[in-house]
Amino acid sequence: MKKEVIIYTDGGCRGNGNEETVGGYGAVLIYKDKIKTIKKGFKKTTNNIMELTAAIDALSLLKEPCKVKLHSDSAYLVNAFNQGWVEKWKKNGWKTASKEPVKNKELWEKLIEFTKVHEIEFIKVKGHADDEMNNLCDKLANEAMDEIENER
């Protein structure tokens, strides 16, 4: 029987779309009574890259195939899997419905690989609300961004 792991992730970016952005993510992994938190900051990134990277890095910590409930406030991440966008993108040669290249293809491909190893349920949570673990992820992401900004 696969281990059941709960993951919460959140990514953020300050100055999204600008040249000198600072981004970060936070993630919380819960297995039984064990809780692990991770965070990381980046320069020159986007909000969506941070959301996807948070999920990738959290999933990469799993050492064996697991049953995962991955909670995110990113509609971009959750809907891509739950509404079949990823399958459509793959079928259309990694083009969107408007025939534009899918952004962050390499990150999506990494996530797809994790869905082949783990049984992942993507769960949308309301951001900046009353979800304690999502709020913790947001706090970790902001701490990671603060650390990058303080390097300057």
N, C-alpha and C. Protein backbone atom coordinates (compact mmCIF):
# COMPACT_ATOMS: atom_id res chain seq x y z
N MET A 1 0.83 -1.19 0.00
CA MET A 1 0.00 0.00 0.00
C MET A 1 0.88 1.26 0.00
N LYS A 2 0.52 2.20 -0.85
CA LYS A 2 1.31 3.43 -0.96
C LYS A 2 1.13 4.31 0.26
N LYS A 3 2.23 4.98 0.62
CA LYS A 3 2.15 5.97 1.68
C LYS A 3 1.30 7.14 1.20
N GLU A 4 0.53 7.71 2.13
CA GLU A 4 -0.30 8.87 1.80
C GLU A 4 0.38 10.13 2.32
N VAL A 5 0.67 11.04 1.41
CA VAL A 5 1.37 12.27 1.74
C VAL A 5 0.50 13.45 1.34
N ILE A 6 0.45 14.43 2.21
CA ILE A 6 -0.27 15.68 1.91
C ILE A 6 0.78 16.75 1.65
N ILE A 7 0.62 17.45 0.54
CA ILE A 7 1.57 18.52 0.20
C ILE A 7 0.78 19.80 -0.03
N TYR A 8 1.29 20.88 0.53
CA TYR A 8 0.78 22.22 0.25
C TYR A 8 1.91 22.99 -0.40
N THR A 9 1.60 23.75 -1.45
CA THR A 9 2.63 24.55 -2.10
C THR A 9 2.10 25.95 -2.39
N ASP A 10 3.02 26.89 -2.45
CA ASP A 10 2.67 28.25 -2.87
C ASP A 10 3.91 28.90 -3.46
N GLY A 11 3.73 29.63 -4.53
CA GLY A 11 4.81 30.37 -5.15
C GLY A 11 4.39 31.82 -5.31
N GLY A 12 5.36 32.68 -5.37
CA GLY A 12 5.06 34.09 -5.55
C GLY A 12 6.19 34.80 -6.25
N CYS A 13 5.90 36.00 -6.70
CA CYS A 13 6.89 36.79 -7.41
C CYS A 13 6.62 38.27 -7.17
N ARG A 14 7.65 38.98 -6.85
CA ARG A 14 7.56 40.43 -6.68
C ARG A 14 8.08 41.09 -7.95
N GLY A 15 7.25 41.94 -8.53
CA GLY A 15 7.63 42.60 -9.78
C GLY A 15 7.39 41.71 -10.98
N ASN A 16 6.41 40.81 -10.90
CA ASN A 16 6.12 39.88 -11.98
C ASN A 16 6.02 40.62 -13.32
N GLY A 17 6.78 40.14 -14.30
CA GLY A 17 6.78 40.77 -15.61
C GLY A 17 7.88 41.79 -15.80
N ASN A 18 8.54 42.19 -14.73
CA ASN A 18 9.64 43.15 -14.81
C ASN A 18 10.97 42.41 -14.96
N GLU A 19 12.00 43.14 -15.30
CA GLU A 19 13.33 42.55 -15.52
C GLU A 19 13.96 42.05 -14.22
N GLU A 20 13.78 42.78 -13.13
CA GLU A 20 14.46 42.45 -11.87
C GLU A 20 13.51 41.82 -10.86
N THR A 21 12.86 40.77 -11.24
CA THR A 21 11.91 40.13 -10.34
C THR A 21 12.63 39.31 -9.27
N VAL A 22 11.93 39.11 -8.19
CA VAL A 22 12.37 38.21 -7.12
C VAL A 22 11.20 37.28 -6.85
N GLY A 23 11.47 35.99 -6.88
CA GLY A 23 10.42 35.01 -6.64
C GLY A 23 10.82 34.05 -5.55
N GLY A 24 9.84 33.32 -5.09
CA GLY A 24 10.11 32.31 -4.08
C GLY A 24 8.95 31.36 -3.95
N TYR A 25 9.23 30.26 -3.29
CA TYR A 25 8.15 29.32 -3.02
C TYR A 25 8.30 28.76 -1.62
N GLY A 26 7.21 28.23 -1.14
CA GLY A 26 7.20 27.50 0.12
C GLY A 26 6.38 26.24 -0.08
N ALA A 27 6.76 25.20 0.61
CA ALA A 27 6.01 23.95 0.53
C ALA A 27 6.03 23.26 1.88
N VAL A 28 4.94 22.57 2.16
CA VAL A 28 4.81 21.79 3.39
C VAL A 28 4.43 20.37 2.98
N LEU A 29 5.19 19.41 3.48
CA LEU A 29 4.90 18.00 3.24
C LEU A 29 4.51 17.37 4.56
N ILE A 30 3.41 16.64 4.55
CA ILE A 30 2.91 16.01 5.78
C ILE A 30 2.75 14.51 5.53
N TYR A 31 3.41 13.72 6.37
CA TYR A 31 3.25 12.27 6.34
C TYR A 31 3.05 11.81 7.78
N LYS A 32 1.89 11.26 8.04
CA LYS A 32 1.51 10.88 9.40
C LYS A 32 1.69 12.08 10.33
N ASP A 33 2.57 11.97 11.32
CA ASP A 33 2.75 13.10 12.25
C ASP A 33 4.02 13.90 11.95
N LYS A 34 4.63 13.63 10.79
CA LYS A 34 5.85 14.34 10.41
C LYS A 34 5.51 15.48 9.46
N ILE A 35 6.10 16.64 9.70
CA ILE A 35 5.91 17.80 8.83
C ILE A 35 7.27 18.32 8.41
N LYS A 36 7.45 18.50 7.10
CA LYS A 36 8.69 19.06 6.56
C LYS A 36 8.33 20.30 5.76
N THR A 37 9.09 21.37 5.97
CA THR A 37 8.87 22.59 5.20
C THR A 37 10.11 22.87 4.36
N ILE A 38 9.88 23.42 3.18
CA ILE A 38 10.98 23.84 2.32
C ILE A 38 10.63 25.22 1.74
N LYS A 39 11.68 25.96 1.40
CA LYS A 39 11.49 27.26 0.75
C LYS A 39 12.72 27.55 -0.08
N LYS A 40 12.53 28.33 -1.13
CA LYS A 40 13.67 28.70 -1.96
C LYS A 40 13.33 29.98 -2.71
N GLY A 41 14.31 30.84 -2.85
CA GLY A 41 14.14 32.10 -3.57
C GLY A 41 14.90 32.10 -4.89
N PHE A 42 14.43 32.91 -5.82
CA PHE A 42 15.01 32.99 -7.16
C PHE A 42 15.00 34.43 -7.65
N LYS A 43 15.89 34.72 -8.57
CA LYS A 43 15.89 36.01 -9.27
C LYS A 43 15.38 35.78 -10.69
N LYS A 44 14.83 36.83 -11.29
CA LYS A 44 14.39 36.82 -12.69
C LYS A 44 13.49 35.62 -12.98
N THR A 45 12.32 35.62 -12.38
CA THR A 45 11.39 34.52 -12.54
C THR A 45 9.98 35.08 -12.69
N THR A 46 9.00 34.19 -12.66
CA THR A 46 7.60 34.61 -12.73
C THR A 46 6.80 33.90 -11.65
N ASN A 47 5.62 34.41 -11.39
CA ASN A 47 4.73 33.78 -10.42
C ASN A 47 4.42 32.34 -10.83
N ASN A 48 4.09 32.12 -12.10
CA ASN A 48 3.72 30.77 -12.55
C ASN A 48 4.89 29.80 -12.42
N ILE A 49 6.09 30.26 -12.75
CA ILE A 49 7.26 29.39 -12.59
C ILE A 49 7.43 29.00 -11.13
N MET A 50 7.20 29.93 -10.22
CA MET A 50 7.34 29.63 -8.79
C MET A 50 6.28 28.64 -8.33
N GLU A 51 5.05 28.78 -8.81
CA GLU A 51 3.98 27.84 -8.44
C GLU A 51 4.33 26.42 -8.91
N LEU A 52 4.81 26.30 -10.14
CA LEU A 52 5.15 24.98 -10.68
C LEU A 52 6.39 24.41 -10.00
N THR A 53 7.39 25.26 -9.76
CA THR A 53 8.62 24.80 -9.12
C THR A 53 8.37 24.32 -7.70
N ALA A 54 7.47 24.98 -7.00
CA ALA A 54 7.12 24.55 -5.64
C ALA A 54 6.61 23.11 -5.66
N ALA A 55 5.72 22.81 -6.59
CA ALA A 55 5.16 21.45 -6.68
C ALA A 55 6.25 20.45 -7.09
N ILE A 56 7.07 20.82 -8.06
CA ILE A 56 8.14 19.92 -8.53
C ILE A 56 9.11 19.61 -7.40
N ASP A 57 9.58 20.64 -6.71
CA ASP A 57 10.56 20.42 -5.66
C ASP A 57 9.99 19.63 -4.49
N ALA A 58 8.72 19.87 -4.16
CA ALA A 58 8.09 19.10 -3.08
C ALA A 58 7.96 17.63 -3.49
N LEU A 59 7.49 17.38 -4.70
CA LEU A 59 7.33 16.00 -5.17
C LEU A 59 8.68 15.29 -5.30
N SER A 60 9.72 16.04 -5.60
CA SER A 60 11.05 15.42 -5.77
C SER A 60 11.61 14.90 -4.44
N LEU A 61 11.04 15.33 -3.33
CA LEU A 61 11.50 14.84 -2.02
C LEU A 61 10.95 13.46 -1.68
N LEU A 62 9.94 13.02 -2.41
CA LEU A 62 9.35 11.71 -2.12
C LEU A 62 10.28 10.61 -2.63
N LYS A 63 10.58 9.66 -1.76
CA LYS A 63 11.58 8.64 -2.07
C LYS A 63 11.00 7.37 -2.68
N GLU A 64 9.69 7.27 -2.72
CA GLU A 64 9.03 6.09 -3.29
C GLU A 64 7.66 6.53 -3.81
N PRO A 65 7.04 5.71 -4.67
CA PRO A 65 5.71 6.08 -5.17
C PRO A 65 4.72 6.25 -4.02
N CYS A 66 3.99 7.38 -4.05
CA CYS A 66 3.06 7.71 -2.97
C CYS A 66 1.71 8.11 -3.54
N LYS A 67 0.74 8.10 -2.65
CA LYS A 67 -0.56 8.68 -2.94
C LYS A 67 -0.50 10.10 -2.37
N VAL A 68 -0.63 11.10 -3.25
CA VAL A 68 -0.39 12.49 -2.85
C VAL A 68 -1.64 13.33 -3.03
N LYS A 69 -1.94 14.12 -2.01
CA LYS A 69 -2.95 15.16 -2.14
C LYS A 69 -2.18 16.47 -2.17
N LEU A 70 -2.08 17.07 -3.36
CA LEU A 70 -1.31 18.28 -3.53
C LEU A 70 -2.24 19.48 -3.55
N HIS A 71 -2.13 20.32 -2.54
CA HIS A 71 -2.98 21.51 -2.39
C HIS A 71 -2.22 22.74 -2.89
N SER A 72 -2.88 23.53 -3.72
CA SER A 72 -2.27 24.75 -4.24
C SER A 72 -3.34 25.80 -4.43
N ASP A 73 -2.94 27.07 -4.28
CA ASP A 73 -3.89 28.14 -4.58
C ASP A 73 -3.73 28.61 -6.03
N SER A 74 -2.91 27.89 -6.80
CA SER A 74 -2.68 28.23 -8.20
C SER A 74 -3.68 27.53 -9.10
N ALA A 75 -4.62 28.30 -9.64
CA ALA A 75 -5.58 27.73 -10.60
C ALA A 75 -4.82 27.22 -11.83
N TYR A 76 -3.76 27.91 -12.21
CA TYR A 76 -2.91 27.52 -13.34
C TYR A 76 -2.43 26.08 -13.19
N LEU A 77 -1.90 25.75 -12.03
CA LEU A 77 -1.39 24.40 -11.78
C LEU A 77 -2.53 23.39 -11.67
N VAL A 78 -3.48 23.66 -10.82
CA VAL A 78 -4.55 22.69 -10.54
C VAL A 78 -5.41 22.45 -11.78
N ASN A 79 -5.82 23.51 -12.45
CA ASN A 79 -6.68 23.35 -13.62
C ASN A 79 -5.99 22.66 -14.78
N ALA A 80 -4.69 22.86 -14.92
CA ALA A 80 -3.95 22.23 -16.01
C ALA A 80 -4.10 20.71 -15.95
N PHE A 81 -4.15 20.16 -14.74
CA PHE A 81 -4.32 18.71 -14.60
C PHE A 81 -5.79 18.33 -14.49
N ASN A 82 -6.54 19.02 -13.66
CA ASN A 82 -7.93 18.64 -13.41
C ASN A 82 -8.86 18.91 -14.58
N GLN A 83 -8.52 19.88 -15.42
CA GLN A 83 -9.37 20.19 -16.57
C GLN A 83 -8.78 19.69 -17.89
N GLY A 84 -7.72 18.92 -17.80
CA GLY A 84 -7.17 18.27 -18.98
C GLY A 84 -6.35 19.15 -19.91
N TRP A 85 -5.95 20.33 -19.44
CA TRP A 85 -5.15 21.21 -20.31
C TRP A 85 -3.85 20.54 -20.74
N VAL A 86 -3.20 19.87 -19.80
CA VAL A 86 -1.90 19.25 -20.08
C VAL A 86 -2.03 18.25 -21.22
N GLU A 87 -3.06 17.42 -21.17
CA GLU A 87 -3.26 16.42 -22.23
C GLU A 87 -3.51 17.09 -23.58
N LYS A 88 -4.30 18.17 -23.57
CA LYS A 88 -4.56 18.90 -24.82
C LYS A 88 -3.29 19.53 -25.36
N TRP A 89 -2.48 20.11 -24.47
CA TRP A 89 -1.22 20.73 -24.90
C TRP A 89 -0.31 19.69 -25.55
N LYS A 90 -0.19 18.54 -24.90
CA LYS A 90 0.66 17.48 -25.45
C LYS A 90 0.15 17.04 -26.82
N LYS A 91 -1.15 16.83 -26.92
CA LYS A 91 -1.77 16.37 -28.17
C LYS A 91 -1.59 17.40 -29.29
N ASN A 92 -1.57 18.69 -28.92
CA ASN A 92 -1.44 19.77 -29.90
C ASN A 92 0.01 20.22 -30.10
N GLY A 93 0.96 19.35 -29.75
CA GLY A 93 2.37 19.69 -29.95
C GLY A 93 2.84 20.82 -29.06
N TRP A 94 2.33 20.84 -27.84
CA TRP A 94 2.67 21.86 -26.84
C TRP A 94 2.30 23.26 -27.32
N LYS A 95 1.12 23.34 -27.92
CA LYS A 95 0.54 24.62 -28.31
C LYS A 95 -0.75 24.83 -27.53
N THR A 96 -1.02 26.09 -27.19
CA THR A 96 -2.27 26.43 -26.50
C THR A 96 -3.42 26.41 -27.49
N ALA A 97 -4.63 26.61 -26.98
CA ALA A 97 -5.80 26.67 -27.86
C ALA A 97 -5.66 27.79 -28.89
N SER A 98 -4.91 28.84 -28.54
CA SER A 98 -4.70 29.95 -29.48
C SER A 98 -3.45 29.74 -30.35
N LYS A 99 -2.94 28.50 -30.36
CA LYS A 99 -1.79 28.10 -31.19
C LYS A 99 -0.46 28.73 -30.78
N GLU A 100 -0.42 29.27 -29.58
CA GLU A 100 0.84 29.82 -29.03
C GLU A 100 1.59 28.69 -28.32
N PRO A 101 2.93 28.77 -28.29
CA PRO A 101 3.68 27.75 -27.53
C PRO A 101 3.31 27.81 -26.04
N VAL A 102 3.17 26.67 -25.42
CA VAL A 102 2.87 26.60 -23.99
C VAL A 102 4.08 27.11 -23.22
N LYS A 103 3.85 28.04 -22.32
CA LYS A 103 4.94 28.55 -21.49
C LYS A 103 5.31 27.51 -20.43
N ASN A 104 6.57 27.49 -20.06
CA ASN A 104 7.07 26.62 -18.99
C ASN A 104 6.94 25.13 -19.32
N LYS A 105 7.05 24.80 -20.61
CA LYS A 105 6.89 23.41 -21.06
C LYS A 105 7.74 22.43 -20.26
N GLU A 106 9.02 22.81 -20.01
CA GLU A 106 9.92 21.88 -19.32
C GLU A 106 9.45 21.61 -17.89
N LEU A 107 8.84 22.58 -17.26
CA LEU A 107 8.30 22.37 -15.90
C LEU A 107 7.07 21.48 -15.95
N TRP A 108 6.21 21.70 -16.93
CA TRP A 108 5.03 20.84 -17.09
C TRP A 108 5.46 19.40 -17.33
N GLU A 109 6.50 19.22 -18.15
CA GLU A 109 6.97 17.86 -18.44
C GLU A 109 7.48 17.17 -17.17
N LYS A 110 8.16 17.91 -16.31
CA LYS A 110 8.61 17.34 -15.04
C LYS A 110 7.41 16.92 -14.18
N LEU A 111 6.41 17.78 -14.13
CA LEU A 111 5.21 17.44 -13.35
C LEU A 111 4.51 16.21 -13.92
N ILE A 112 4.44 16.11 -15.23
CA ILE A 112 3.83 14.94 -15.87
C ILE A 112 4.57 13.68 -15.46
N GLU A 113 5.90 13.76 -15.41
CA GLU A 113 6.68 12.59 -14.99
C GLU A 113 6.32 12.17 -13.57
N PHE A 114 6.12 13.14 -12.70
CA PHE A 114 5.72 12.80 -11.33
C PHE A 114 4.34 12.14 -11.28
N THR A 115 3.44 12.51 -12.19
CA THR A 115 2.12 11.89 -12.20
C THR A 115 2.19 10.43 -12.65
N LYS A 116 3.29 10.06 -13.30
CA LYS A 116 3.48 8.66 -13.71
C LYS A 116 4.01 7.81 -12.56
N VAL A 117 4.65 8.48 -11.59
CA VAL A 117 5.25 7.77 -10.45
C VAL A 117 4.28 7.75 -9.26
N HIS A 118 3.66 8.88 -9.02
CA HIS A 118 2.78 9.05 -7.86
C HIS A 118 1.32 9.19 -8.30
N GLU A 119 0.45 8.79 -7.43
CA GLU A 119 -0.98 9.00 -7.63
C GLU A 119 -1.29 10.37 -7.02
N ILE A 120 -1.42 11.39 -7.87
CA ILE A 120 -1.54 12.77 -7.38
C ILE A 120 -2.94 13.30 -7.61
N GLU A 121 -3.54 13.80 -6.53
CA GLU A 121 -4.81 14.51 -6.60
C GLU A 121 -4.48 15.99 -6.41
N PHE A 122 -4.79 16.80 -7.41
CA PHE A 122 -4.54 18.24 -7.34
C PHE A 122 -5.77 18.91 -6.75
N ILE A 123 -5.57 19.65 -5.67
CA ILE A 123 -6.68 20.26 -4.93
C ILE A 123 -6.48 21.76 -4.87
N LYS A 124 -7.46 22.52 -5.34
CA LYS A 124 -7.40 23.98 -5.32
C LYS A 124 -7.85 24.48 -3.96
N VAL A 125 -7.03 25.34 -3.36
CA VAL A 125 -7.40 26.00 -2.11
C VAL A 125 -7.45 27.50 -2.35
N LYS A 126 -8.23 28.19 -1.56
CA LYS A 126 -8.33 29.64 -1.68
C LYS A 126 -7.09 30.27 -1.05
N GLY A 127 -6.39 31.08 -1.82
CA GLY A 127 -5.18 31.72 -1.33
C GLY A 127 -5.49 32.87 -0.38
N HIS A 128 -4.58 33.12 0.53
CA HIS A 128 -4.68 34.25 1.47
C HIS A 128 -6.01 34.23 2.22
N ALA A 129 -6.43 33.04 2.61
CA ALA A 129 -7.69 32.88 3.33
C ALA A 129 -7.41 32.25 4.68
N ASP A 130 -8.22 31.28 5.06
CA ASP A 130 -8.08 30.70 6.40
C ASP A 130 -7.46 29.31 6.38
N ASP A 131 -6.80 28.92 5.29
CA ASP A 131 -6.15 27.62 5.23
C ASP A 131 -4.76 27.74 5.86
N GLU A 132 -4.61 27.17 7.03
CA GLU A 132 -3.39 27.32 7.81
C GLU A 132 -2.13 26.90 7.05
N MET A 133 -2.20 25.78 6.34
CA MET A 133 -1.01 25.29 5.64
C MET A 133 -0.70 26.14 4.41
N ASN A 134 -1.72 26.60 3.71
CA ASN A 134 -1.49 27.49 2.57
C ASN A 134 -0.86 28.80 3.05
N ASN A 135 -1.34 29.29 4.18
CA ASN A 135 -0.78 30.52 4.74
C ASN A 135 0.68 30.32 5.15
N LEU A 136 1.00 29.13 5.67
CA LEU A 136 2.39 28.83 6.02
C LEU A 136 3.25 28.81 4.76
N CYS A 137 2.76 28.21 3.69
CA CYS A 137 3.50 28.19 2.43
C CYS A 137 3.74 29.60 1.91
N ASP A 138 2.72 30.45 2.00
CA ASP A 138 2.85 31.84 1.58
C ASP A 138 3.92 32.55 2.41
N LYS A 139 3.92 32.31 3.71
CA LYS A 139 4.92 32.91 4.61
C LYS A 139 6.32 32.44 4.23
N LEU A 140 6.48 31.15 3.95
CA LEU A 140 7.78 30.62 3.55
C LEU A 140 8.24 31.23 2.23
N ALA A 141 7.32 31.36 1.27
CA ALA A 141 7.66 31.96 -0.02
C ALA A 141 8.13 33.40 0.16
N ASN A 142 7.44 34.14 1.01
CA ASN A 142 7.84 35.54 1.27
C ASN A 142 9.17 35.62 1.99
N GLU A 143 9.42 34.70 2.92
CA GLU A 143 10.73 34.67 3.59
C GLU A 143 11.84 34.41 2.57
N ALA A 144 11.58 33.48 1.64
CA ALA A 144 12.59 33.16 0.62
C ALA A 144 12.85 34.37 -0.27
N MET A 145 11.79 35.12 -0.62
CA MET A 145 11.97 36.33 -1.43
C MET A 145 12.73 37.39 -0.65
N ASP A 146 12.41 37.54 0.64
CA ASP A 146 13.13 38.50 1.48
C ASP A 146 14.62 38.19 1.52
N GLU A 147 14.95 36.90 1.63
CA GLU A 147 16.36 36.49 1.68
C GLU A 147 17.09 36.86 0.39
N ILE A 148 16.44 36.67 -0.74
CA ILE A 148 17.05 37.02 -2.04
C ILE A 148 17.21 38.54 -2.14
N GLU A 149 16.18 39.28 -1.73
CA GLU A 149 16.27 40.74 -1.79
C GLU A 149 17.36 41.29 -0.87
N ASN A 150 17.57 40.63 0.26
CA ASN A 150 18.59 41.07 1.21
C ASN A 150 20.01 40.76 0.75
N GLU A 151 20.16 39.91 -0.29
CA GLU A 151 21.48 39.60 -0.86
C GLU A 151 22.00 40.79 -1.67
N ARG A 152 21.09 41.63 -2.12
CA ARG A 152 21.48 42.72 -3.05
C ARG A 152 22.31 43.77 -2.35
